[in-house]
Amino acid sequence: QVQLVESGGGLVQPGGSLRLSCAASGIIFSTNAMGWYRQAPGKQREMVAVITSGGTTNYADSVKGRFTISRDNGKNTVYLQMNSLKPEDTAVYYCNAAIKRYSWSSERDYWGQGTQVTVSS
């Protein structure tokens, strides 16, 4: 079984910073793209940032210049550094990873349990 465990969420004031981490564990042959998604109350889940195994990144327009995604391939861990946070960034943030468990198996998506980020004064 593969598990994605997120950490780093919490309550922060507008303009503040948080760093999210997500570690994948279990039987893992390879990890392709990893990313962060978020879902605010009453809204659909949306992509925040994605990073490929080679380091290519993609960001939602709403977070460009404020958020930075990075990864440690040796640790199967992805990070999201969030700066200049705004109240509209408030959401549950989910980690996602495309993982092959064995050399012969298909790649599939795995999701973390989510971590709450609240930006409020």
C-alpha atoms as a PDB file:
ATOM      1  CA  GLN A   1       0.000   0.000   0.000  1.00  0.00           C
ATOM      2  CA  VAL A   2       1.183   3.540  -0.766  1.00  0.00           C
ATOM      3  CA  GLN A   3       0.499   6.400   1.626  1.00  0.00           C
ATOM      4  CA  LEU A   4       0.922  10.146   1.160  1.00  0.00           C
ATOM      5  CA  VAL A   5       1.233  11.986   4.459  1.00  0.00           C
ATOM      6  CA  GLU A   6       0.943  15.769   4.490  1.00  0.00           C
ATOM      7  CA  SER A   7       2.077  18.192   7.162  1.00  0.00           C
ATOM      8  CA  GLY A   8       2.561  21.906   7.683  1.00  0.00           C
ATOM      9  CA  GLY A   9      -0.927  23.359   7.469  1.00  0.00           C
ATOM     10  CA  GLY A  10      -2.362  25.757  10.001  1.00  0.00           C
ATOM     11  CA  LEU A  11      -3.621  29.256  10.712  1.00  0.00           C
ATOM     12  CA  VAL A  12      -1.634  32.221   9.420  1.00  0.00           C
ATOM     13  CA  GLN A  13      -2.260  35.939   9.071  1.00  0.00           C
ATOM     14  CA  PRO A  14      -2.552  37.571   5.647  1.00  0.00           C
ATOM     15  CA  GLY A  15       0.899  38.199   4.233  1.00  0.00           C
ATOM     16  CA  GLY A  16       2.370  35.318   6.191  1.00  0.00           C
ATOM     17  CA  SER A  17       4.051  32.111   5.046  1.00  0.00           C
ATOM     18  CA  LEU A  18       3.591  28.385   5.441  1.00  0.00           C
ATOM     19  CA  ARG A  19       5.467  25.372   4.115  1.00  0.00           C
ATOM     20  CA  LEU A  20       3.621  22.183   3.315  1.00  0.00           C
ATOM     21  CA  SER A  21       5.326  18.793   3.048  1.00  0.00           C
ATOM     22  CA  CYS A  22       4.078  15.511   1.645  1.00  0.00           C
ATOM     23  CA  ALA A  23       5.985  12.244   1.948  1.00  0.00           C
ATOM     24  CA  ALA A  24       5.103   9.121  -0.019  1.00  0.00           C
ATOM     25  CA  SER A  25       5.789   5.782   1.634  1.00  0.00           C
ATOM     26  CA  GLY A  26       5.257   2.106   0.882  1.00  0.00           C
ATOM     27  CA  ILE A  27       6.369  -0.032  -2.025  1.00  0.00           C
ATOM     28  CA  ILE A  28       7.356   2.488  -4.715  1.00  0.00           C
ATOM     29  CA  PHE A  29       9.244   1.731  -7.903  1.00  0.00           C
ATOM     30  CA  SER A  30       9.079   5.228  -9.363  1.00  0.00           C
ATOM     31  CA  THR A  31       7.300   8.530  -8.841  1.00  0.00           C
ATOM     32  CA  ASN A  32       6.419  10.722 -11.793  1.00  0.00           C
ATOM     33  CA  ALA A  33       4.596  14.013 -11.320  1.00  0.00           C
ATOM     34  CA  MET A  34       3.815  15.234  -7.817  1.00  0.00           C
ATOM     35  CA  GLY A  35       1.589  18.151  -7.000  1.00  0.00           C
ATOM     36  CA  TRP A  36      -0.640  20.129  -4.712  1.00  0.00           C
ATOM     37  CA  TYR A  37      -4.338  20.754  -5.146  1.00  0.00           C
ATOM     38  CA  ARG A  38      -6.775  22.647  -2.967  1.00  0.00           C
ATOM     39  CA  GLN A  39     -10.471  22.756  -2.286  1.00  0.00           C
ATOM     40  CA  ALA A  40     -12.266  25.636  -0.618  1.00  0.00           C
ATOM     41  CA  PRO A  41     -15.761  25.253   0.869  1.00  0.00           C
ATOM     42  CA  GLY A  42     -18.382  25.154  -1.866  1.00  0.00           C
ATOM     43  CA  LYS A  43     -15.787  25.054  -4.637  1.00  0.00           C
ATOM     44  CA  GLN A  44     -14.276  22.381  -6.839  1.00  0.00           C
ATOM     45  CA  ARG A  45     -10.797  21.019  -6.221  1.00  0.00           C
ATOM     46  CA  GLU A  46      -8.226  22.944  -8.250  1.00  0.00           C
ATOM     47  CA  MET A  47      -4.593  22.491  -9.198  1.00  0.00           C
ATOM     48  CA  VAL A  48      -2.195  24.708  -7.283  1.00  0.00           C
ATOM     49  CA  ALA A  49       1.215  23.507  -8.480  1.00  0.00           C
ATOM     50  CA  VAL A  50       2.726  20.441 -10.132  1.00  0.00           C
ATOM     51  CA  ILE A  51       6.322  19.300 -10.550  1.00  0.00           C
ATOM     52  CA  THR A  52       7.603  16.495 -12.779  1.00  0.00           C
ATOM     53  CA  SER A  53      10.329  14.045 -11.822  1.00  0.00           C
ATOM     54  CA  GLY A  54      12.702  16.148 -13.925  1.00  0.00           C
ATOM     55  CA  GLY A  55      11.826  19.338 -12.073  1.00  0.00           C
ATOM     56  CA  THR A  56       9.530  21.060 -14.564  1.00  0.00           C
ATOM     57  CA  THR A  57       6.912  23.088 -12.704  1.00  0.00           C
ATOM     58  CA  ASN A  58       3.466  24.446 -13.459  1.00  0.00           C
ATOM     59  CA  TYR A  59       1.457  26.846 -11.300  1.00  0.00           C
ATOM     60  CA  ALA A  60      -2.069  28.151 -11.151  1.00  0.00           C
ATOM     61  CA  ASP A  61      -2.151  31.796 -12.195  1.00  0.00           C
ATOM     62  CA  SER A  62      -3.501  32.764  -8.771  1.00  0.00           C
ATOM     63  CA  VAL A  63      -0.345  31.586  -6.974  1.00  0.00           C
ATOM     64  CA  LYS A  64       2.408  32.434  -9.461  1.00  0.00           C
ATOM     65  CA  GLY A  65       5.138  34.480  -7.839  1.00  0.00           C
ATOM     66  CA  ARG A  66       3.935  33.607  -4.321  1.00  0.00           C
ATOM     67  CA  PHE A  67       4.136  29.793  -4.118  1.00  0.00           C
ATOM     68  CA  THR A  68       7.087  27.542  -4.917  1.00  0.00           C
ATOM     69  CA  ILE A  69       6.887  23.781  -5.403  1.00  0.00           C
ATOM     70  CA  SER A  70       9.934  21.566  -4.998  1.00  0.00           C
ATOM     71  CA  ARG A  71      10.703  17.902  -4.433  1.00  0.00           C
ATOM     72  CA  ASP A  72      13.300  15.539  -3.039  1.00  0.00           C
ATOM     73  CA  ASN A  73      13.269  12.478  -5.282  1.00  0.00           C
ATOM     74  CA  GLY A  74      15.400  10.448  -2.892  1.00  0.00           C
ATOM     75  CA  LYS A  75      12.811  10.924  -0.167  1.00  0.00           C
ATOM     76  CA  ASN A  76       9.707  10.799  -2.403  1.00  0.00           C
ATOM     77  CA  THR A  77       8.715  14.089  -0.834  1.00  0.00           C
ATOM     78  CA  VAL A  78       7.157  17.197  -2.324  1.00  0.00           C
ATOM     79  CA  TYR A  79       7.047  20.634  -0.731  1.00  0.00           C
ATOM     80  CA  LEU A  80       4.982  23.768  -1.212  1.00  0.00           C
ATOM     81  CA  GLN A  81       6.409  27.023   0.072  1.00  0.00           C
ATOM     82  CA  MET A  82       3.580  29.536   0.337  1.00  0.00           C
ATOM     83  CA  ASN A  83       4.427  33.213   0.790  1.00  0.00           C
ATOM     84  CA  SER A  84       2.323  36.384   0.808  1.00  0.00           C
ATOM     85  CA  LEU A  85      -0.711  34.350   1.749  1.00  0.00           C
ATOM     86  CA  LYS A  86      -4.160  35.800   1.138  1.00  0.00           C
ATOM     87  CA  PRO A  87      -7.541  34.958   2.680  1.00  0.00           C
ATOM     88  CA  GLU A  88      -8.582  33.469  -0.659  1.00  0.00           C
ATOM     89  CA  ASP A  89      -5.827  30.864  -0.251  1.00  0.00           C
ATOM     90  CA  THR A  90      -7.852  29.340   2.578  1.00  0.00           C
ATOM     91  CA  ALA A  91      -8.653  25.728   1.666  1.00  0.00           C
ATOM     92  CA  VAL A  92      -7.860  22.112   2.333  1.00  0.00           C
ATOM     93  CA  TYR A  93      -4.640  21.334   0.478  1.00  0.00           C
ATOM     94  CA  TYR A  94      -4.163  17.848  -0.972  1.00  0.00           C
ATOM     95  CA  CYS A  95      -0.975  16.186  -2.121  1.00  0.00           C
ATOM     96  CA  ASN A  96      -1.035  14.063  -5.281  1.00  0.00           C
ATOM     97  CA  ALA A  97       1.560  11.729  -6.781  1.00  0.00           C
ATOM     98  CA  ALA A  98       1.680   9.544  -9.884  1.00  0.00           C
ATOM     99  CA  ILE A  99       3.351   6.338  -8.717  1.00  0.00           C
ATOM    100  CA  LYS A 100       4.382   2.993 -10.151  1.00  0.00           C
ATOM    101  CA  ARG A 101       4.597   0.419  -7.379  1.00  0.00           C
ATOM    102  CA  TYR A 102       6.532  -2.125  -9.448  1.00  0.00           C
ATOM    103  CA  SER A 103       8.479  -2.016 -12.706  1.00  0.00           C
ATOM    104  CA  TRP A 104       5.741  -4.002 -14.422  1.00  0.00           C
ATOM    105  CA  SER A 105       2.733  -2.173 -12.949  1.00  0.00           C
ATOM    106  CA  SER A 106       0.775   0.751 -14.321  1.00  0.00           C
ATOM    107  CA  GLU A 107       1.167   4.237 -12.962  1.00  0.00           C
ATOM    108  CA  ARG A 108      -1.711   5.478 -10.842  1.00  0.00           C
ATOM    109  CA  ASP A 109      -2.636   8.534  -8.851  1.00  0.00           C
ATOM    110  CA  TYR A 110      -2.464   8.608  -5.068  1.00  0.00           C
ATOM    111  CA  TRP A 111      -3.860  11.315  -2.785  1.00  0.00           C
ATOM    112  CA  GLY A 112      -3.065  12.490   0.704  1.00  0.00           C
ATOM    113  CA  GLN A 113      -5.695  13.032   3.373  1.00  0.00           C
ATOM    114  CA  GLY A 114      -5.527  16.815   3.117  1.00  0.00           C
ATOM    115  CA  THR A 115      -4.259  19.554   5.420  1.00  0.00           C
ATOM    116  CA  GLN A 116      -6.180  22.701   6.329  1.00  0.00           C
ATOM    117  CA  VAL A 117      -4.680  26.093   5.525  1.00  0.00           C
ATOM    118  CA  THR A 118      -6.521  29.085   6.961  1.00  0.00           C
ATOM    119  CA  VAL A 119      -5.454  32.652   6.203  1.00  0.00           C
ATOM    120  CA  SER A 120      -7.178  35.081   8.527  1.00  0.00           C
ATOM    121  CA  SER A 121      -6.461  38.005  10.790  1.00  0.00           C
END
